[in-house]
Each structure stands twice: as structure tokens, then as C-alpha cells.
Amino acid sequence: MFDWLVVGAGFAGSVLAERLASQRGEKVLVVDRRSHIGGNAFDWYDEAGILVHRYGPHIFHTNAEAIVTYLSQFTKWYPYEHRVLANVDGRLVPIPINLDTINRLYGLDLTSEEMEQFLAARRENVGEVRTAEDVVVGTVGRELYEKFFRGYTRKQWGVDPSQLSKSVTARVPTRTNRDDRYFADTFQSMPAGGYTRMFQRMLAHPNIKMMLQTDYREVRDVIPHRRLVYTGPIDEFFDFRLGKLPYRSLHFDHVTLDQPQFQPVAVVNYPQTEAFTRVTEYKHMTGQQHPRTSLTYEYPTDDGDPYYPVPRPENEALYKRYEALAAQQTDAVFVGRLATYRYYNMDQVIGQALAAFSRIQRTGARALPIIKGAAG
């Protein structure tokens, strides 16, 4: 008999499994339909011996000291500040848009104050900001929206930004200085030995057992357990009884080249005519020295594993109906991106899982139906 069946070995499931095993002394079975732990953060050494991320780049950044302290039990850190360039009109320019972006793109020599005036003259008055398009044109104007955002967003989500929630583009800042970091968080580092090694240490507790390449539906009625942690798609948990929630997926094309470096930064975005959205070169973010280099080309698609909940009002309404069903499950905890139909950063998922554990601790044996919230 297991105290907990944890469905999914990504951040949400692994953090809760570790806490339940180490802090409550309970027996935990973790199942995952994939052949590995770590969820989408899984990394491995490819045939060339280069550490790569199977599911695209995962950059750890946070302002939550408690989350860094928690993860530091399982890994040391390699300091890394993420920088991204965008290939726009044949030029590589910083993204998020900053002072250097505008000056390089237009051949100008603006100051920060002049850049603010430049943008102010181009912003559109959109009234109430509702969509992803409203956010951008109200901040940088129509021309920069077309160059940097519209094509990328349409590739990424399969619909026009005017049909997506404002949350999609509100995440990306615009800077009038030369700060070219993609993130501004106080802590920005990579697990020194990779994510997979960190997950291995997290799940190494003797109270935790693993079953990979296992669909939980095949074991939930066979292996005795008292309570459930579910991190998969919430609509799948309920056998899609209310209809399927839309997700976007990704296809990854991994390539190794016989040269030490391919591009000047870890990630280059392609917001215009190419079919792929970005190219990642992993050695920039891991610090690995190697005579060859490995890249990943990303192609968004509707087919494949669910990665991104599609932020549209009708999808949120359908999720709310599933959330109501989840609230009736008194012996199950729903946590993570897919189970709560939210796009969370890694630190937010960890924070959500730790909050779920705190609630379990406060309520004793009774589990919490559904957990939401961000890191902090």
C-alpha cells in the first residue's frame, strides 16, 4: 500500500513526492508515461557528448529565495544570464526590445529619453487592453509589432495575437536602456550537473518508488494507494467528459555540427518567415567546452504532447468547468501547468507544489482538491 500515487515526474510531481517522502515519511509511487524523469526539463548527453535539453531550452530564474534554497539541496549552480537575439530584417538584434534594438534596426543613435519619445510617437491608443495584440501595439506601435511579435506569435500559437489573451505578450518587457538580459530576476543560474541529475537526487529517497513508461490509468485500480497527486492534463483525468482543452505542442529537430559555435547567444528567435520559432545552442547556457556543438530547432504544432495551454476566453471557461469537478475530488491534489491549465515558469510550478505540500501539512491526512498560485 502506497500513501500517495504521484502522476508525473516533472517539477510538480517530483517536488511533492520528495516532500511527502522526506518530511512526512510516507510511501510514494511516482508514475510517468515517458521513459525518463524530469518532465519537459529533462536533459541528457547526446551522441556527441553535449548536454542538451530534449524539450527545448529551460532557463531557471526566480526572485524567490525559498525556492533557490529548496533546490540547492539537490544541485549546485552554474551562473547564467539568458540573452536572446531576434533575426529581424536580416539583422540579429536584442529581444526583449531595448535601446540597442531600436538603434541597430533603424541605424539611429538614440538616448534612453529619445527612445521613449520614439515609442510614444508610434504607440496606438487601444483603449481597454484585452488581447496580446493590444499589449504590443499600445507599447511599441504597429511596425515593431509586425516585425517582432505577430509572426512569432502566430507560429507559436497557431492563431493571430488579436485572438489571444493579453497574458501572452504582457510577459515580455520593453526597455529603454541597454539591459539585454531576457529575465530581470535576482537569481539566474542553471543546475551545474543538469536538470536530470537534480531530479535524480530529488527522487532518491527510499520511500519513493518509480514506474516509468506507465500510464497511471493502467495502475490506479491495481496498485493500492490512499491519495493522489495529479499533474497531467485535467481534461484527461476526467476522460474528456466536457470536451478537450486545446494545447499547443512542439516538434524538436536536434542537430550536431562539426564546429565549436553556431550563433552568438544561446537562443535566436525567428519571428518572420521561417517555419521554426527559435534555434537553441546549449553550450552557451551550460558552459560546456566541446569541439562540436548541438542545436535544437523548434516547430510549434497542434499535434503531440501538450506543452502550452492556449489562453483564450472560451478555453478558460471550459477549464473552469473542469476545475469545479476537480474541487469535488477530496483525495486528489491537482498541481502543475497541465492540471491547472496555466503557463507557469519553473519556479512558479515549484512554488505551487511547495504550497500544496504546506496545505497538506496543515490539513493532516486530508488532501487539497486543487492548488493554484505562483512562487513567492
Protein backbone atom coordinates (compact mmCIF):
# COMPACT_ATOMS: atom_id res chain seq x y z
CA MET A 1 0.00 0.00 0.00
CA PHE A 2 1.30 3.44 -1.00
CA ASP A 3 0.25 6.56 0.81
CA TRP A 4 0.44 8.58 -2.40
CA LEU A 5 0.29 7.87 -6.12
CA VAL A 6 2.01 10.78 -7.88
CA VAL A 7 1.19 11.09 -11.56
CA GLY A 8 4.02 12.80 -13.43
CA ALA A 9 7.76 13.04 -12.67
CA GLY A 10 8.23 16.68 -13.69
CA PHE A 11 8.74 19.55 -11.26
CA ALA A 12 5.27 19.48 -9.69
CA GLY A 13 5.19 15.73 -9.09
CA SER A 14 8.83 15.37 -8.07
CA VAL A 15 8.76 18.21 -5.55
CA LEU A 16 5.63 16.87 -3.90
CA ALA A 17 6.97 13.30 -3.93
CA GLU A 18 10.19 14.42 -2.26
CA ARG A 19 8.39 16.47 0.39
CA LEU A 20 5.85 13.74 1.19
CA ALA A 21 8.59 11.12 1.47
CA SER A 22 11.18 13.12 3.39
CA GLN A 23 9.00 15.32 5.62
CA ARG A 24 6.03 13.05 6.31
CA GLY A 25 7.78 9.69 5.99
CA GLU A 26 5.07 8.47 3.65
CA LYS A 27 5.41 5.92 0.87
CA VAL A 28 5.12 7.40 -2.59
CA LEU A 29 4.80 5.80 -6.01
CA VAL A 30 5.67 8.13 -8.92
CA VAL A 31 4.45 7.08 -12.37
CA ASP A 32 5.19 8.73 -15.70
CA ARG A 33 4.26 7.64 -19.19
CA ARG A 34 7.59 8.82 -20.54
CA SER A 35 10.80 6.79 -20.26
CA HIS A 36 12.55 9.38 -18.08
CA ILE A 37 12.10 11.64 -15.08
CA GLY A 38 12.23 15.44 -15.16
CA GLY A 39 9.25 16.14 -17.40
CA ASN A 40 9.96 18.78 -20.02
CA ALA A 41 13.10 19.85 -18.14
CA PHE A 42 14.79 16.52 -18.96
CA ASP A 43 18.32 16.87 -20.31
CA TRP A 44 20.87 14.31 -21.46
CA TYR A 45 24.25 13.96 -23.13
CA ASP A 46 23.70 13.36 -26.84
CA GLU A 47 25.79 11.14 -29.10
CA ALA A 48 28.44 13.85 -29.37
CA GLY A 49 28.69 14.12 -25.58
CA ILE A 50 26.99 17.52 -25.41
CA LEU A 51 24.44 18.25 -22.69
CA VAL A 52 21.18 19.21 -24.41
CA HIS A 53 17.54 19.72 -23.40
CA ARG A 54 15.21 17.29 -25.15
CA TYR A 55 12.22 19.60 -24.97
CA GLY A 56 13.80 22.95 -25.75
CA PRO A 57 15.71 25.38 -23.52
CA HIS A 58 14.82 25.53 -19.83
CA ILE A 59 16.36 28.54 -18.11
CA PHE A 60 16.00 28.73 -14.35
CA HIS A 61 15.29 32.18 -12.93
CA THR A 62 13.43 33.36 -9.86
CA ASN A 63 13.02 36.09 -7.27
CA ALA A 64 12.00 33.56 -4.61
CA GLU A 65 14.88 32.82 -2.25
CA ALA A 66 12.95 29.97 -0.62
CA ILE A 67 12.78 28.11 -3.93
CA VAL A 68 16.51 28.51 -4.54
CA THR A 69 17.17 27.23 -1.02
CA TYR A 70 14.95 24.22 -1.63
CA LEU A 71 16.53 23.24 -4.97
CA SER A 72 20.04 23.83 -3.64
CA GLN A 73 19.62 20.67 -1.57
CA PHE A 74 19.84 18.73 -4.83
CA THR A 75 22.18 20.74 -7.07
CA LYS A 76 24.98 23.25 -7.26
CA TRP A 77 24.58 26.11 -9.71
CA TYR A 78 26.26 27.44 -12.84
CA PRO A 79 25.64 31.21 -13.06
CA TYR A 80 23.99 32.10 -16.36
CA GLU A 81 22.08 35.18 -17.51
CA HIS A 82 19.96 34.42 -20.54
CA ARG A 83 20.29 36.65 -23.59
CA VAL A 84 18.21 36.26 -26.74
CA LEU A 85 18.60 37.77 -30.19
CA ALA A 86 15.91 38.04 -32.85
CA ASN A 87 16.61 37.69 -36.55
CA VAL A 88 14.66 40.66 -37.92
CA ASP A 89 15.11 42.01 -41.44
CA GLY A 90 18.36 40.06 -41.69
CA ARG A 91 19.84 41.58 -38.51
CA LEU A 92 20.41 39.99 -35.11
CA VAL A 93 19.02 42.40 -32.52
CA PRO A 94 18.24 42.04 -28.78
CA ILE A 95 14.86 40.80 -27.64
CA PRO A 96 13.13 42.00 -25.44
CA ILE A 97 13.29 45.27 -27.34
CA ASN A 98 15.78 47.68 -25.79
CA LEU A 99 17.74 50.77 -26.79
CA ASP A 100 20.25 48.79 -28.86
CA THR A 101 17.41 47.01 -30.68
CA ILE A 102 15.98 50.28 -31.98
CA ASN A 103 19.34 51.85 -32.78
CA ARG A 104 20.61 48.83 -34.75
CA LEU A 105 17.34 48.23 -36.54
CA TYR A 106 16.89 51.81 -37.72
CA GLY A 107 20.51 52.98 -37.85
CA LEU A 108 19.92 55.54 -35.09
CA ASP A 109 21.86 56.77 -32.07
CA LEU A 110 19.04 57.47 -29.63
CA THR A 111 19.40 58.04 -25.91
CA SER A 112 17.01 56.38 -23.45
CA GLU A 113 14.93 59.56 -23.30
CA GLU A 114 14.83 59.79 -27.09
CA MET A 115 13.80 56.16 -27.35
CA GLU A 116 10.85 56.82 -25.07
CA GLN A 117 9.83 59.67 -27.38
CA PHE A 118 10.37 57.38 -30.40
CA LEU A 119 7.99 54.80 -28.94
CA ALA A 120 5.48 57.37 -27.70
CA ALA A 121 5.09 58.68 -31.25
CA ARG A 122 4.29 55.17 -32.51
CA ARG A 123 2.04 53.77 -29.79
CA GLU A 124 -1.58 53.18 -30.62
CA ASN A 125 -4.35 54.17 -28.26
CA VAL A 126 -6.16 50.86 -27.88
CA GLY A 127 -8.46 51.81 -25.03
CA GLU A 128 -9.07 48.72 -22.89
CA VAL A 129 -6.21 46.25 -23.31
CA ARG A 130 -7.71 42.81 -23.87
CA THR A 131 -5.59 40.91 -26.38
CA ALA A 132 -1.95 40.07 -27.00
CA GLU A 133 -2.00 42.48 -29.95
CA ASP A 134 -3.38 45.31 -27.80
CA VAL A 135 -0.46 44.97 -25.38
CA VAL A 136 2.20 45.31 -28.05
CA VAL A 137 0.74 47.99 -30.31
CA GLY A 138 -0.10 50.03 -27.21
CA THR A 139 3.54 49.79 -26.08
CA VAL A 140 5.75 49.89 -29.20
CA GLY A 141 3.38 50.56 -32.10
CA ARG A 142 2.26 48.67 -35.17
CA GLU A 143 5.55 48.45 -37.09
CA LEU A 144 7.54 46.83 -34.29
CA TYR A 145 4.57 44.59 -33.53
CA GLU A 146 4.67 43.31 -37.11
CA LYS A 147 8.45 42.84 -37.08
CA PHE A 148 8.88 41.12 -33.71
CA PHE A 149 5.60 39.76 -32.40
CA ARG A 150 2.86 38.99 -34.89
CA GLY A 151 4.67 36.34 -36.92
CA TYR A 152 6.29 34.70 -33.92
CA THR A 153 3.01 34.58 -32.01
CA ARG A 154 1.10 33.16 -34.97
CA LYS A 155 3.71 30.42 -35.36
CA GLN A 156 3.79 29.70 -31.65
CA TRP A 157 0.06 29.60 -31.02
CA GLY A 158 -1.46 28.91 -34.44
CA VAL A 159 -3.75 31.95 -34.21
CA ASP A 160 -3.37 35.70 -34.60
CA PRO A 161 -2.35 37.69 -31.48
CA SER A 162 -5.66 39.54 -31.72
CA GLN A 163 -7.33 36.26 -30.72
CA LEU A 164 -5.15 35.55 -27.68
CA SER A 165 -5.23 36.75 -24.10
CA LYS A 166 -3.11 39.76 -23.20
CA SER A 167 -1.08 37.49 -20.90
CA VAL A 168 0.80 36.07 -23.91
CA THR A 169 2.74 39.24 -24.70
CA ALA A 170 2.46 41.00 -21.34
CA ARG A 171 5.26 38.71 -20.14
CA VAL A 172 7.81 40.36 -22.46
CA PRO A 173 9.08 43.78 -21.27
CA THR A 174 10.26 46.74 -23.35
CA ARG A 175 13.34 48.54 -22.05
CA THR A 176 14.67 51.99 -22.88
CA ASN A 177 18.16 51.15 -21.58
CA ARG A 178 20.78 48.66 -22.82
CA ASP A 179 19.87 45.82 -20.47
CA ASP A 180 19.88 42.86 -22.86
CA ARG A 181 19.05 40.13 -20.33
CA TYR A 182 15.92 38.21 -21.16
CA PHE A 183 14.99 37.97 -17.48
CA ALA A 184 15.46 40.51 -14.69
CA ASP A 185 15.14 38.08 -11.76
CA THR A 186 17.58 38.30 -8.88
CA PHE A 187 18.62 34.65 -9.24
CA GLN A 188 19.56 33.32 -12.68
CA SER A 189 21.53 30.06 -12.88
CA MET A 190 21.49 26.57 -14.34
CA PRO A 191 21.77 23.32 -12.36
CA ALA A 192 25.51 22.66 -12.55
CA GLY A 193 25.15 19.00 -13.45
CA GLY A 194 21.98 19.40 -15.47
CA TYR A 195 18.31 19.10 -14.61
CA THR A 196 18.14 15.31 -14.82
CA ARG A 197 20.85 14.87 -12.21
CA MET A 198 18.97 17.27 -9.93
CA PHE A 199 15.76 15.25 -10.35
CA GLN A 200 17.63 12.01 -9.65
CA ARG A 201 18.78 13.38 -6.31
CA MET A 202 15.32 14.72 -5.54
CA LEU A 203 13.71 11.34 -6.12
CA ALA A 204 16.41 9.22 -4.48
CA HIS A 205 14.58 8.91 -1.14
CA PRO A 206 13.99 5.28 -0.06
CA ASN A 207 10.27 6.00 0.43
CA ILE A 208 9.90 6.84 -3.29
CA LYS A 209 9.37 4.18 -5.93
CA MET A 210 9.27 4.87 -9.67
CA MET A 211 7.37 3.39 -12.59
CA LEU A 212 8.29 4.91 -15.96
CA GLN A 213 6.65 4.19 -19.32
CA THR A 214 3.49 3.72 -17.29
CA ASP A 215 0.05 5.23 -17.86
CA TYR A 216 -1.46 5.83 -14.44
CA ARG A 217 -4.86 4.71 -15.72
CA GLU A 218 -3.41 1.22 -16.09
CA VAL A 219 -2.30 1.07 -12.45
CA ARG A 220 -4.67 3.30 -10.47
CA ASP A 221 -7.10 0.44 -9.85
CA VAL A 222 -4.38 -2.18 -9.45
CA ILE A 223 -1.82 -0.65 -7.08
CA PRO A 224 -3.35 0.27 -3.70
CA HIS A 225 -2.86 3.90 -2.65
CA ARG A 226 -4.64 6.26 -0.30
CA ARG A 227 -4.34 9.62 -2.08
CA LEU A 228 -3.37 11.03 -5.47
CA VAL A 229 -1.21 13.87 -6.81
CA TYR A 230 -2.14 14.54 -10.42
CA THR A 231 0.00 16.74 -12.69
CA GLY A 232 -1.29 15.71 -16.11
CA PRO A 233 -3.93 17.37 -18.31
CA ILE A 234 -7.01 17.98 -16.22
CA ASP A 235 -9.40 17.15 -19.07
CA GLU A 236 -7.74 13.75 -19.50
CA PHE A 237 -8.24 12.98 -15.80
CA PHE A 238 -11.98 13.30 -16.35
CA ASP A 239 -11.89 11.33 -19.62
CA PHE A 240 -12.66 14.49 -21.62
CA ARG A 241 -16.27 14.36 -20.47
CA LEU A 242 -16.74 18.10 -21.04
CA GLY A 243 -14.64 18.22 -24.20
CA LYS A 244 -10.92 18.58 -24.88
CA LEU A 245 -8.93 21.58 -23.72
CA PRO A 246 -6.70 22.93 -26.52
CA TYR A 247 -2.93 22.75 -26.12
CA ARG A 248 -0.05 23.70 -28.37
CA SER A 249 2.75 21.22 -28.85
CA LEU A 250 6.28 21.41 -30.23
CA HIS A 251 8.38 19.40 -32.66
CA PHE A 252 12.12 19.47 -31.99
CA ASP A 253 14.81 18.96 -34.61
CA HIS A 254 18.14 18.23 -32.88
CA VAL A 255 21.29 18.83 -34.95
CA THR A 256 25.01 18.44 -34.15
CA LEU A 257 27.56 20.43 -36.14
CA ASP A 258 31.30 19.91 -36.60
CA GLN A 259 32.16 23.38 -35.36
CA PRO A 260 32.59 24.83 -31.86
CA GLN A 261 29.92 27.54 -32.12
CA PHE A 262 26.94 28.30 -34.37
CA GLN A 263 25.42 31.53 -33.00
CA PRO A 264 26.49 34.30 -30.59
CA VAL A 265 23.94 33.54 -27.86
CA ALA A 266 22.04 30.51 -26.59
CA VAL A 267 18.76 31.37 -28.34
CA VAL A 268 17.97 33.20 -31.56
CA ASN A 269 14.29 33.87 -32.31
CA TYR A 270 12.95 33.87 -35.86
CA PRO A 271 9.75 35.96 -35.84
CA GLN A 272 9.36 36.41 -39.58
CA THR A 273 9.26 33.93 -42.48
CA GLU A 274 10.98 30.76 -41.20
CA ALA A 275 8.82 27.80 -40.18
CA PHE A 276 10.69 27.39 -36.87
CA THR A 277 10.37 29.85 -34.00
CA ARG A 278 13.85 29.65 -32.49
CA VAL A 279 17.23 27.92 -32.53
CA THR A 280 18.94 26.95 -29.27
CA GLU A 281 22.66 26.29 -28.84
CA TYR A 282 23.09 24.70 -25.43
CA LYS A 283 26.79 25.20 -24.74
CA HIS A 284 26.17 28.91 -24.11
CA MET A 285 23.94 28.12 -21.12
CA THR A 286 25.86 25.15 -19.66
CA GLY A 287 29.43 26.42 -20.07
CA GLN A 288 30.46 23.09 -21.55
CA GLN A 289 33.65 23.10 -23.62
CA HIS A 290 33.47 20.88 -26.71
CA PRO A 291 34.88 20.99 -30.28
CA ARG A 292 31.38 20.35 -31.67
CA THR A 293 28.05 21.99 -30.93
CA SER A 294 24.44 20.80 -30.74
CA LEU A 295 21.36 22.81 -31.69
CA THR A 296 17.60 22.47 -31.46
CA TYR A 297 15.15 23.93 -33.98
CA GLU A 298 11.60 24.36 -32.60
CA TYR A 299 8.47 23.96 -34.69
CA PRO A 300 5.13 24.63 -32.94
CA THR A 301 2.28 22.29 -33.83
CA ASP A 302 -1.18 21.22 -32.68
CA ASP A 303 -0.15 17.56 -32.65
CA GLY A 304 1.91 15.85 -29.96
CA ASP A 305 2.42 16.14 -26.22
CA PRO A 306 0.59 19.06 -24.57
CA TYR A 307 3.00 21.91 -23.72
CA TYR A 308 1.15 25.21 -23.65
CA PRO A 309 -2.45 25.85 -22.62
CA VAL A 310 -3.96 28.15 -25.26
CA PRO A 311 -5.02 31.37 -23.46
CA ARG A 312 -8.39 32.23 -24.96
CA PRO A 313 -11.60 33.11 -23.07
CA GLU A 314 -13.53 30.06 -24.27
CA ASN A 315 -10.72 27.76 -23.14
CA GLU A 316 -10.61 29.38 -19.72
CA ALA A 317 -14.37 28.90 -19.42
CA LEU A 318 -14.04 25.19 -20.21
CA TYR A 319 -11.20 24.84 -17.73
CA LYS A 320 -13.35 26.43 -15.01
CA ARG A 321 -15.88 23.65 -15.51
CA TYR A 322 -13.16 21.04 -15.10
CA GLU A 323 -11.85 22.92 -12.07
CA ALA A 324 -15.27 22.56 -10.47
CA LEU A 325 -15.10 18.80 -11.00
CA ALA A 326 -11.61 18.71 -9.53
CA ALA A 327 -12.82 20.53 -6.41
CA GLN A 328 -15.09 17.57 -5.70
CA GLN A 329 -12.14 15.15 -5.59
CA THR A 330 -11.42 15.11 -1.86
CA ASP A 331 -8.47 12.69 -2.08
CA ALA A 332 -6.62 14.26 -5.00
CA VAL A 333 -4.27 17.21 -5.44
CA PHE A 334 -4.17 18.83 -8.87
CA VAL A 335 -0.93 20.77 -9.38
CA GLY A 336 1.26 21.98 -12.27
CA ARG A 337 0.81 23.57 -15.67
CA LEU A 338 -1.41 20.95 -17.23
CA ALA A 339 -3.55 20.18 -14.20
CA THR A 340 -4.35 23.86 -13.61
CA TYR A 341 -4.29 24.91 -17.30
CA ARG A 342 -1.80 27.73 -16.75
CA TYR A 343 1.51 28.66 -18.33
CA TYR A 344 3.86 28.75 -15.34
CA ASN A 345 7.60 29.27 -15.21
CA MET A 346 9.56 26.51 -13.50
CA ASP A 347 9.92 28.43 -10.25
CA GLN A 348 6.18 29.06 -10.17
CA VAL A 349 5.45 25.35 -10.55
CA ILE A 350 7.88 24.59 -7.71
CA GLY A 351 6.27 27.30 -5.58
CA GLN A 352 2.85 25.86 -6.36
CA ALA A 353 3.98 22.36 -5.35
CA LEU A 354 5.53 23.61 -2.10
CA ALA A 355 2.32 25.50 -1.33
CA ALA A 356 0.36 22.30 -1.93
CA PHE A 357 2.60 20.45 0.49
CA SER A 358 2.15 23.15 3.13
CA ARG A 359 -1.60 22.82 2.77
CA ILE A 360 -1.38 19.04 3.11
CA GLN A 361 0.67 19.52 6.26
CA ARG A 362 -1.91 21.89 7.73
CA THR A 363 -4.87 19.67 6.91
CA GLY A 364 -3.25 16.42 8.01
CA ALA A 365 -4.34 13.39 6.03
CA ARG A 366 -6.94 15.29 4.03
CA ALA A 367 -5.57 16.36 0.63
CA LEU A 368 -6.42 19.57 -1.14
CA PRO A 369 -8.65 19.34 -4.23
CA ILE A 370 -6.84 21.90 -6.33
CA ILE A 371 -3.80 24.13 -5.86
CA LYS A 372 -3.11 27.38 -7.65
CA GLY A 373 -0.61 30.14 -7.14
CA ALA A 374 2.83 31.36 -8.11
CA ALA A 375 6.21 31.35 -6.48
CA GLY A 376 6.94 33.69 -3.68
